[in-house]
C-alpha atoms as a PDB file:
ATOM      1  CA  MET A   1      96.957  79.600 118.559  1.00  0.00           C
ATOM      2  CA  ASN A   2      93.425  78.226 118.585  1.00  0.00           C
ATOM      3  CA  PHE A   3      89.878  79.492 118.813  1.00  0.00           C
ATOM      4  CA  ASP A   4      88.228  76.412 120.279  1.00  0.00           C
ATOM      5  CA  GLY A   5      84.873  77.352 121.766  1.00  0.00           C
ATOM      6  CA  LYS A   6      85.125  80.977 120.601  1.00  0.00           C
ATOM      7  CA  VAL A   7      82.433  82.807 118.626  1.00  0.00           C
ATOM      8  CA  ALA A   8      83.531  85.587 116.260  1.00  0.00           C
ATOM      9  CA  VAL A   9      81.358  88.156 114.507  1.00  0.00           C
ATOM     10  CA  ILE A  10      83.137  89.508 111.429  1.00  0.00           C
ATOM     11  CA  THR A  11      81.564  92.363 109.513  1.00  0.00           C
ATOM     12  CA  GLY A  12      82.020  92.668 105.771  1.00  0.00           C
ATOM     13  CA  SER A  13      83.213  89.071 105.622  1.00  0.00           C
ATOM     14  CA  SER A  14      81.906  87.943 102.250  1.00  0.00           C
ATOM     15  CA  ALA A  15      85.213  88.926 100.589  1.00  0.00           C
ATOM     16  CA  GLY A  16      88.729  90.199 101.169  1.00  0.00           C
ATOM     17  CA  ILE A  17      90.254  90.505 104.617  1.00  0.00           C
ATOM     18  CA  GLY A  18      87.010  89.629 106.388  1.00  0.00           C
ATOM     19  CA  ALA A  19      86.596  86.421 104.407  1.00  0.00           C
ATOM     20  CA  GLU A  20      90.180  85.355 105.114  1.00  0.00           C
ATOM     21  CA  ALA A  21      89.695  86.026 108.817  1.00  0.00           C
ATOM     22  CA  ALA A  22      86.547  83.888 108.805  1.00  0.00           C
ATOM     23  CA  LYS A  23      88.352  80.986 107.178  1.00  0.00           C
ATOM     24  CA  LYS A  24      91.359  81.153 109.488  1.00  0.00           C
ATOM     25  CA  ILE A  25      89.323  81.360 112.679  1.00  0.00           C
ATOM     26  CA  THR A  26      87.108  78.497 111.530  1.00  0.00           C
ATOM     27  CA  SER A  27      90.160  76.376 110.710  1.00  0.00           C
ATOM     28  CA  MET A  28      91.398  76.943 114.268  1.00  0.00           C
ATOM     29  CA  GLY A  29      88.226  75.727 115.921  1.00  0.00           C
ATOM     30  CA  GLY A  30      86.156  78.901 116.102  1.00  0.00           C
ATOM     31  CA  ARG A  31      82.551  79.504 115.157  1.00  0.00           C
ATOM     32  CA  VAL A  32      81.946  82.454 112.880  1.00  0.00           C
ATOM     33  CA  THR A  33      79.206  84.782 111.726  1.00  0.00           C
ATOM     34  CA  ILE A  34      79.706  85.959 108.160  1.00  0.00           C
ATOM     35  CA  ASN A  35      78.065  89.310 107.546  1.00  0.00           C
ATOM     36  CA  TYR A  36      77.149  90.742 104.161  1.00  0.00           C
ATOM     37  CA  SER A  37      74.982  93.577 102.897  1.00  0.00           C
ATOM     38  CA  LYS A  38      74.636  92.822  99.172  1.00  0.00           C
ATOM     39  CA  SER A  39      75.995  89.536  97.814  1.00  0.00           C
ATOM     40  CA  LYS A  40      74.386  86.512  99.432  1.00  0.00           C
ATOM     41  CA  LYS A  41      76.143  84.303  96.895  1.00  0.00           C
ATOM     42  CA  ALA A  42      79.586  85.578  97.900  1.00  0.00           C
ATOM     43  CA  ALA A  43      78.804  85.090 101.594  1.00  0.00           C
ATOM     44  CA  GLU A  44      77.590  81.541 100.980  1.00  0.00           C
ATOM     45  CA  GLU A  45      80.738  80.747  99.004  1.00  0.00           C
ATOM     46  CA  VAL A  46      82.890  81.877 101.935  1.00  0.00           C
ATOM     47  CA  ALA A  47      80.708  79.856 104.304  1.00  0.00           C
ATOM     48  CA  HIS A  48      81.180  76.792 102.111  1.00  0.00           C
ATOM     49  CA  GLU A  49      84.956  77.243 102.157  1.00  0.00           C
ATOM     50  CA  CYS A  50      84.824  77.560 105.936  1.00  0.00           C
ATOM     51  CA  SER A  51      82.769  74.374 106.199  1.00  0.00           C
ATOM     52  CA  GLN A  52      85.647  72.489 104.582  1.00  0.00           C
ATOM     53  CA  LEU A  53      87.912  73.708 107.377  1.00  0.00           C
ATOM     54  CA  GLY A  54      85.694  73.422 110.453  1.00  0.00           C
ATOM     55  CA  GLU A  55      82.211  74.230 111.653  1.00  0.00           C
ATOM     56  CA  THR A  56      79.889  75.759 109.057  1.00  0.00           C
ATOM     57  CA  PRO A  57      79.375  79.472 109.822  1.00  0.00           C
ATOM     58  CA  ILE A  58      76.076  81.267 109.840  1.00  0.00           C
ATOM     59  CA  THR A  59      75.562  84.027 107.268  1.00  0.00           C
ATOM     60  CA  ILE A  60      73.588  87.132 108.191  1.00  0.00           C
ATOM     61  CA  LYS A  61      72.511  89.908 105.868  1.00  0.00           C
ATOM     62  CA  ALA A  62      72.660  93.204 107.716  1.00  0.00           C
ATOM     63  CA  ASP A  63      73.249  96.777 106.629  1.00  0.00           C
ATOM     64  CA  ILE A  64      75.404  97.861 109.541  1.00  0.00           C
ATOM     65  CA  ALA A  65      75.527 101.457 108.294  1.00  0.00           C
ATOM     66  CA  VAL A  66      72.279 101.818 110.247  1.00  0.00           C
ATOM     67  CA  ASP A  67      71.713 100.922 113.882  1.00  0.00           C
ATOM     68  CA  GLU A  68      68.947  98.424 113.133  1.00  0.00           C
ATOM     69  CA  GLY A  69      71.402  96.392 111.071  1.00  0.00           C
ATOM     70  CA  CYS A  70      73.999  96.424 113.869  1.00  0.00           C
ATOM     71  CA  LYS A  71      71.483  95.226 116.438  1.00  0.00           C
ATOM     72  CA  HIS A  72      70.156  92.551 114.080  1.00  0.00           C
ATOM     73  CA  LEU A  73      73.658  91.196 113.441  1.00  0.00           C
ATOM     74  CA  ILE A  74      74.572  90.938 117.122  1.00  0.00           C
ATOM     75  CA  ASP A  75      71.188  89.627 118.280  1.00  0.00           C
ATOM     76  CA  SER A  76      71.037  87.010 115.520  1.00  0.00           C
ATOM     77  CA  THR A  77      74.538  85.776 116.325  1.00  0.00           C
ATOM     78  CA  PHE A  78      73.782  85.466 120.024  1.00  0.00           C
ATOM     79  CA  ASN A  79      70.474  83.731 119.367  1.00  0.00           C
ATOM     80  CA  GLU A  80      72.311  81.137 117.259  1.00  0.00           C
ATOM     81  CA  TYR A  81      75.463  80.586 119.315  1.00  0.00           C
ATOM     82  CA  LYS A  82      74.435  81.806 122.796  1.00  0.00           C
ATOM     83  CA  ASP A  83      77.810  83.487 123.074  1.00  0.00           C
ATOM     84  CA  ILE A  84      80.077  86.127 121.505  1.00  0.00           C
ATOM     85  CA  ASN A  85      83.795  86.291 122.272  1.00  0.00           C
ATOM     86  CA  ILE A  86      85.245  88.262 119.366  1.00  0.00           C
ATOM     87  CA  LEU A  87      84.060  91.186 117.282  1.00  0.00           C
ATOM     88  CA  ILE A  88      86.050  92.087 114.179  1.00  0.00           C
ATOM     89  CA  ASN A  89      84.884  95.385 112.687  1.00  0.00           C
ATOM     90  CA  ASN A  90      86.063  95.003 109.124  1.00  0.00           C
ATOM     91  CA  ALA A  91      83.392  96.542 106.878  1.00  0.00           C
ATOM     92  CA  GLY A  92      84.222  99.881 105.321  1.00  0.00           C
ATOM     93  CA  ARG A  93      83.771 102.171 102.346  1.00  0.00           C
ATOM     94  CA  THR A  94      85.396 105.139 100.687  1.00  0.00           C
ATOM     95  CA  LYS A  95      85.071 107.635  97.869  1.00  0.00           C
ATOM     96  CA  PHE A  96      88.064 108.385  95.692  1.00  0.00           C
ATOM     97  CA  ALA A  97      88.915 112.079  95.730  1.00  0.00           C
ATOM     98  CA  ASP A  98      92.172 113.991  95.404  1.00  0.00           C
ATOM     99  CA  HIS A  99      93.032 115.521  98.779  1.00  0.00           C
ATOM    100  CA  SER A 100      93.685 118.917  97.184  1.00  0.00           C
ATOM    101  CA  ASP A 101      90.302 119.046  95.461  1.00  0.00           C
ATOM    102  CA  LEU A 102      87.984 120.220  98.210  1.00  0.00           C
ATOM    103  CA  ASP A 103      85.049 120.339  95.801  1.00  0.00           C
ATOM    104  CA  ALA A 104      85.300 116.571  95.226  1.00  0.00           C
ATOM    105  CA  LEU A 105      83.568 115.767  98.511  1.00  0.00           C
ATOM    106  CA  GLU A 106      80.187 116.841  99.825  1.00  0.00           C
ATOM    107  CA  ARG A 107      78.785 116.668 103.354  1.00  0.00           C
ATOM    108  CA  GLU A 108      76.832 113.588 102.274  1.00  0.00           C
ATOM    109  CA  ASP A 109      80.067 111.811 101.341  1.00  0.00           C
ATOM    110  CA  PHE A 110      81.438 112.333 104.831  1.00  0.00           C
ATOM    111  CA  GLU A 111      78.182 111.176 106.395  1.00  0.00           C
ATOM    112  CA  ASN A 112      78.048 108.007 104.286  1.00  0.00           C
ATOM    113  CA  ILE A 113      81.668 107.086 104.944  1.00  0.00           C
ATOM    114  CA  LEU A 114      81.499 107.829 108.665  1.00  0.00           C
ATOM    115  CA  ALA A 115      78.247 105.875 108.983  1.00  0.00           C
ATOM    116  CA  LEU A 116      80.010 102.648 108.058  1.00  0.00           C
ATOM    117  CA  ASN A 117      83.654 103.264 108.959  1.00  0.00           C
ATOM    118  CA  LEU A 118      83.009 104.746 112.406  1.00  0.00           C
ATOM    119  CA  ASN A 119      79.429 104.884 113.635  1.00  0.00           C
ATOM    120  CA  SER A 120      78.650 101.249 112.848  1.00  0.00           C
ATOM    121  CA  ASN A 121      81.640 100.093 114.872  1.00  0.00           C
ATOM    122  CA  TYR A 122      80.422 101.996 117.913  1.00  0.00           C
ATOM    123  CA  GLU A 123      76.892 100.630 117.573  1.00  0.00           C
ATOM    124  CA  LEU A 124      78.125  97.062 117.120  1.00  0.00           C
ATOM    125  CA  ILE A 125      80.352  97.361 120.168  1.00  0.00           C
ATOM    126  CA  LYS A 126      77.486  98.819 122.182  1.00  0.00           C
ATOM    127  CA  HIS A 127      75.174  95.924 121.323  1.00  0.00           C
ATOM    128  CA  ALA A 128      77.877  93.271 121.724  1.00  0.00           C
ATOM    129  CA  ARG A 129      79.262  94.593 125.002  1.00  0.00           C
ATOM    130  CA  PRO A 130      76.969  92.620 127.370  1.00  0.00           C
ATOM    131  CA  HIS A 131      77.829  89.343 125.640  1.00  0.00           C
ATOM    132  CA  LEU A 132      81.549  90.098 125.413  1.00  0.00           C
ATOM    133  CA  ALA A 133      81.623  91.120 129.075  1.00  0.00           C
ATOM    134  CA  ASN A 134      80.213  87.751 130.131  1.00  0.00           C
ATOM    135  CA  ASN A 135      83.453  86.064 129.073  1.00  0.00           C
ATOM    136  CA  LYS A 136      86.042  88.362 130.705  1.00  0.00           C
ATOM    137  CA  LYS A 137      88.546  87.417 127.992  1.00  0.00           C
ATOM    138  CA  SER A 138      86.958  89.010 124.959  1.00  0.00           C
ATOM    139  CA  SER A 139      88.437  90.932 122.069  1.00  0.00           C
ATOM    140  CA  ILE A 140      87.374  93.673 119.681  1.00  0.00           C
ATOM    141  CA  VAL A 141      89.553  94.189 116.610  1.00  0.00           C
ATOM    142  CA  ASN A 142      88.885  97.285 114.534  1.00  0.00           C
ATOM    143  CA  ILE A 143      90.224  97.161 110.988  1.00  0.00           C
ATOM    144  CA  SER A 144      91.512 100.675 110.453  1.00  0.00           C
ATOM    145  CA  SER A 145      94.167 101.950 108.049  1.00  0.00           C
ATOM    146  CA  VAL A 146      97.475 103.750 107.862  1.00  0.00           C
ATOM    147  CA  ALA A 147      95.287 106.487 106.381  1.00  0.00           C
ATOM    148  CA  GLY A 148      94.106 107.177 109.921  1.00  0.00           C
ATOM    149  CA  LEU A 149      97.653 107.360 111.261  1.00  0.00           C
ATOM    150  CA  ARG A 150      99.093 109.776 108.707  1.00  0.00           C
ATOM    151  CA  GLY A 151      96.172 111.401 106.894  1.00  0.00           C
ATOM    152  CA  LEU A 152      96.770 109.366 103.744  1.00  0.00           C
ATOM    153  CA  GLY A 153      94.464 107.366 101.533  1.00  0.00           C
ATOM    154  CA  SER A 154      91.733 107.507  98.948  1.00  0.00           C
ATOM    155  CA  SER A 155      90.127 110.702 100.233  1.00  0.00           C
ATOM    156  CA  VAL A 156      90.146 113.164 103.111  1.00  0.00           C
ATOM    157  CA  ALA A 157      86.832 111.718 104.286  1.00  0.00           C
ATOM    158  CA  TYR A 158      88.292 108.208 104.412  1.00  0.00           C
ATOM    159  CA  ALA A 159      91.399 109.358 106.288  1.00  0.00           C
ATOM    160  CA  ALA A 160      89.222 111.280 108.751  1.00  0.00           C
ATOM    161  CA  SER A 161      86.993 108.261 109.362  1.00  0.00           C
ATOM    162  CA  LYS A 162      89.949 106.010 110.107  1.00  0.00           C
ATOM    163  CA  GLY A 163      91.607 108.626 112.295  1.00  0.00           C
ATOM    164  CA  ALA A 164      88.395 108.841 114.288  1.00  0.00           C
ATOM    165  CA  LEU A 165      88.242 105.039 114.485  1.00  0.00           C
ATOM    166  CA  ASN A 166      91.764 104.975 115.902  1.00  0.00           C
ATOM    167  CA  SER A 167      90.818 107.525 118.567  1.00  0.00           C
ATOM    168  CA  MET A 168      87.687 105.542 119.399  1.00  0.00           C
ATOM    169  CA  THR A 169      89.805 102.409 119.730  1.00  0.00           C
ATOM    170  CA  LEU A 170      91.944 104.121 122.363  1.00  0.00           C
ATOM    171  CA  ALA A 171      88.965 105.560 124.213  1.00  0.00           C
ATOM    172  CA  LEU A 172      87.046 102.277 124.347  1.00  0.00           C
ATOM    173  CA  SER A 173      90.102 100.276 125.345  1.00  0.00           C
ATOM    174  CA  ARG A 174      90.092 102.330 128.550  1.00  0.00           C
ATOM    175  CA  SER A 175      86.375 102.212 129.213  1.00  0.00           C
ATOM    176  CA  LEU A 176      85.861  98.519 128.427  1.00  0.00           C
ATOM    177  CA  GLY A 177      88.965  97.197 130.141  1.00  0.00           C
ATOM    178  CA  ALA A 178      87.101  96.713 133.410  1.00  0.00           C
ATOM    179  CA  ASP A 179      84.737  94.359 131.567  1.00  0.00           C
ATOM    180  CA  GLY A 180      87.659  92.219 130.439  1.00  0.00           C
ATOM    181  CA  ILE A 181      87.239  93.425 126.864  1.00  0.00           C
ATOM    182  CA  ARG A 182      90.355  94.305 124.905  1.00  0.00           C
ATOM    183  CA  VAL A 183      90.096  96.803 122.036  1.00  0.00           C
ATOM    184  CA  ASN A 184      92.830  97.084 119.403  1.00  0.00           C
ATOM    185  CA  ALA A 185      93.120  98.180 115.776  1.00  0.00           C
ATOM    186  CA  VAL A 186      94.991  96.784 112.794  1.00  0.00           C
ATOM    187  CA  CYS A 187      96.027  99.479 110.313  1.00  0.00           C
ATOM    188  CA  PRO A 188      96.910  98.039 106.905  1.00  0.00           C
ATOM    189  CA  GLY A 189      98.336  99.961 104.000  1.00  0.00           C
ATOM    190  CA  PHE A 190      97.285  99.160 100.462  1.00  0.00           C
ATOM    191  CA  VAL A 191      96.119  95.535 100.195  1.00  0.00           C
ATOM    192  CA  ALA A 192      95.704  93.791  96.833  1.00  0.00           C
ATOM    193  CA  THR A 193      92.122  92.569  97.139  1.00  0.00           C
ATOM    194  CA  ASP A 194      89.327  92.115  94.614  1.00  0.00           C
ATOM    195  CA  TRP A 195      87.632  95.177  96.102  1.00  0.00           C
ATOM    196  CA  TRP A 196      90.528  97.352  94.956  1.00  0.00           C
ATOM    197  CA  LYS A 197      90.670  95.616  91.576  1.00  0.00           C
ATOM    198  CA  ASN A 198      86.965  96.236  91.017  1.00  0.00           C
ATOM    199  CA  SER A 199      87.237  99.841  92.200  1.00  0.00           C
ATOM    200  CA  LEU A 200      90.301 100.805  90.182  1.00  0.00           C
ATOM    201  CA  GLY A 201      90.030  98.541  87.164  1.00  0.00           C
ATOM    202  CA  GLU A 202      92.678  96.040  86.077  1.00  0.00           C
ATOM    203  CA  GLU A 203      95.200  98.527  84.665  1.00  0.00           C
ATOM    204  CA  LYS A 204      95.148 100.993  87.577  1.00  0.00           C
ATOM    205  CA  PHE A 205      95.131  98.087  90.032  1.00  0.00           C
ATOM    206  CA  LYS A 206      98.399  96.742  88.600  1.00  0.00           C
ATOM    207  CA  LYS A 207      99.914 100.232  88.668  1.00  0.00           C
ATOM    208  CA  ALA A 208      98.899 100.648  92.306  1.00  0.00           C
ATOM    209  CA  ILE A 209     100.560  97.347  93.218  1.00  0.00           C
ATOM    210  CA  ASN A 210     103.764  98.321  91.413  1.00  0.00           C
ATOM    211  CA  ALA A 211     103.792 101.740  93.051  1.00  0.00           C
ATOM    212  CA  TYR A 212     103.253 100.298  96.526  1.00  0.00           C
ATOM    213  CA  GLU A 213     106.075  97.822  96.057  1.00  0.00           C
ATOM    214  CA  LYS A 214     108.429 100.714  95.361  1.00  0.00           C
ATOM    215  CA  ILE A 215     107.583 102.862  98.388  1.00  0.00           C
ATOM    216  CA  ASN A 216     107.816 100.459 101.328  1.00  0.00           C
ATOM    217  CA  PRO A 217     111.012  98.891 102.707  1.00  0.00           C
ATOM    218  CA  LEU A 218     109.816  95.291 102.285  1.00  0.00           C
ATOM    219  CA  GLY A 219     109.201  95.932  98.603  1.00  0.00           C
ATOM    220  CA  GLU A 220     105.988  93.933  98.642  1.00  0.00           C
ATOM    221  CA  CYS A 221     102.285  94.551  98.148  1.00  0.00           C
ATOM    222  CA  PRO A 222     100.301  92.362 100.551  1.00  0.00           C
ATOM    223  CA  THR A 223      97.226  90.255  99.923  1.00  0.00           C
ATOM    224  CA  ALA A 224      94.487  89.750 102.484  1.00  0.00           C
ATOM    225  CA  GLU A 225      96.289  86.682 103.807  1.00  0.00           C
ATOM    226  CA  ASP A 226      99.281  88.835 104.771  1.00  0.00           C
ATOM    227  CA  ILE A 227      97.119  90.949 107.084  1.00  0.00           C
ATOM    228  CA  ILE A 228      95.371  88.096 108.882  1.00  0.00           C
ATOM    229  CA  GLY A 229      98.162  87.177 111.317  1.00  0.00           C
ATOM    230  CA  SER A 230      97.934  90.540 113.061  1.00  0.00           C
ATOM    231  CA  ILE A 231      94.147  90.288 113.311  1.00  0.00           C
ATOM    232  CA  LEU A 232      94.336  86.761 114.730  1.00  0.00           C
ATOM    233  CA  PHE A 233      96.909  87.869 117.291  1.00  0.00           C
ATOM    234  CA  PHE A 234      94.638  90.592 118.662  1.00  0.00           C
ATOM    235  CA  ALA A 235      91.609  88.294 118.524  1.00  0.00           C
ATOM    236  CA  SER A 236      93.290  85.384 120.273  1.00  0.00           C
ATOM    237  CA  ASP A 237      94.378  84.642 123.820  1.00  0.00           C
ATOM    238  CA  LEU A 238      97.981  85.325 122.772  1.00  0.00           C
ATOM    239  CA  SER A 239      97.259  89.029 123.280  1.00  0.00           C
ATOM    240  CA  ASN A 240      95.432  88.726 126.617  1.00  0.00           C
ATOM    241  CA  HIS A 241      97.430  91.617 128.094  1.00  0.00           C
ATOM    242  CA  VAL A 242      97.337  93.856 125.022  1.00  0.00           C
ATOM    243  CA  THR A 243      94.775  96.617 124.573  1.00  0.00           C
ATOM    244  CA  GLY A 244      94.610 100.106 123.107  1.00  0.00           C
ATOM    245  CA  GLN A 245      97.149  99.394 120.377  1.00  0.00           C
ATOM    246  CA  LEU A 246      97.176 100.643 116.780  1.00  0.00           C
ATOM    247  CA  LEU A 247      99.294  98.271 114.705  1.00  0.00           C
ATOM    248  CA  ALA A 248     100.469  99.418 111.279  1.00  0.00           C
ATOM    249  CA  VAL A 249     100.686  96.434 108.926  1.00  0.00           C
ATOM    250  CA  ASP A 250     102.143  98.219 105.928  1.00  0.00           C
ATOM    251  CA  GLY A 251     105.475  96.693 104.931  1.00  0.00           C
ATOM    252  CA  GLY A 252     107.199  99.612 106.636  1.00  0.00           C
ATOM    253  CA  LEU A 253     105.422 102.252 104.537  1.00  0.00           C
ATOM    254  CA  LEU A 254     105.163 104.721 107.398  1.00  0.00           C
ATOM    255  CA  ILE A 255     108.807 104.510 108.380  1.00  0.00           C
ATOM    256  CA  GLY A 256     109.761 105.310 104.792  1.00  0.00           C
ATOM    257  CA  MET A 257     112.329 104.029 102.376  1.00  0.00           C
ATOM    258  CA  PRO A 258     116.001 104.120 103.372  1.00  0.00           C
ATOM    259  CA  LEU A 259     118.017 107.104 102.225  1.00  0.00           C
ATOM    260  CA  LYS A 260     120.296 106.204  99.319  1.00  0.00           C
ATOM    261  CA  LEU A 261     123.457 108.236  98.848  1.00  0.00           C
ATOM    262  CA  ASP A 262     125.111 108.225  95.426  1.00  0.00           C
END
């Protein structure tokens, strides 16, 4: 697998899964745009790590929750590299709310979550489409979640946003196929990243890891590095005849634990 001559735009790539994807693609010969909305320092640290592995990426600040940010990210990447081959829609957000507590979420919560988890992906794809279509062997990888496959996750709004993203993945895989653009989604379960640690706090984070290890057949809680292989597969030429697929990368969470008879 290599990405020689390929240009990849990766949203939300200043940390976590996005950062790991940037490093791996760079190490395999690709050129990368690192996108961030808040921490320039974090983005520059990822860019520095990438520079030790291959070509130094560009870093672009863009709030992709609004259309202007999506257009800025795509236009700036094309102006720098004169090409775009891969779009990895990784940025996302949530709000923690018990699914049974319908008062825990307001309309605004849904709008904020959908703006980043769904709408931004559509806008980015719309702006990137002409550049991706020029190559005839281009790939879009949406980072979704098992929450969108089974209605699980941190809140109903989050699950709904990822379910909608999965449906959009299927719809766009049909409509963009004629342009030579493949559209697939990777659907991780719980991933032990700093984002989760910061959101939950150290104690709850450790409990979440222990709980996840007990409810999936592999008995493991993945890190960002464990998710990257699936993303690279969809992004690379190895999957040239694969489109419209939703791949659960969850240690077997969705198939459930084996039945134990005493």
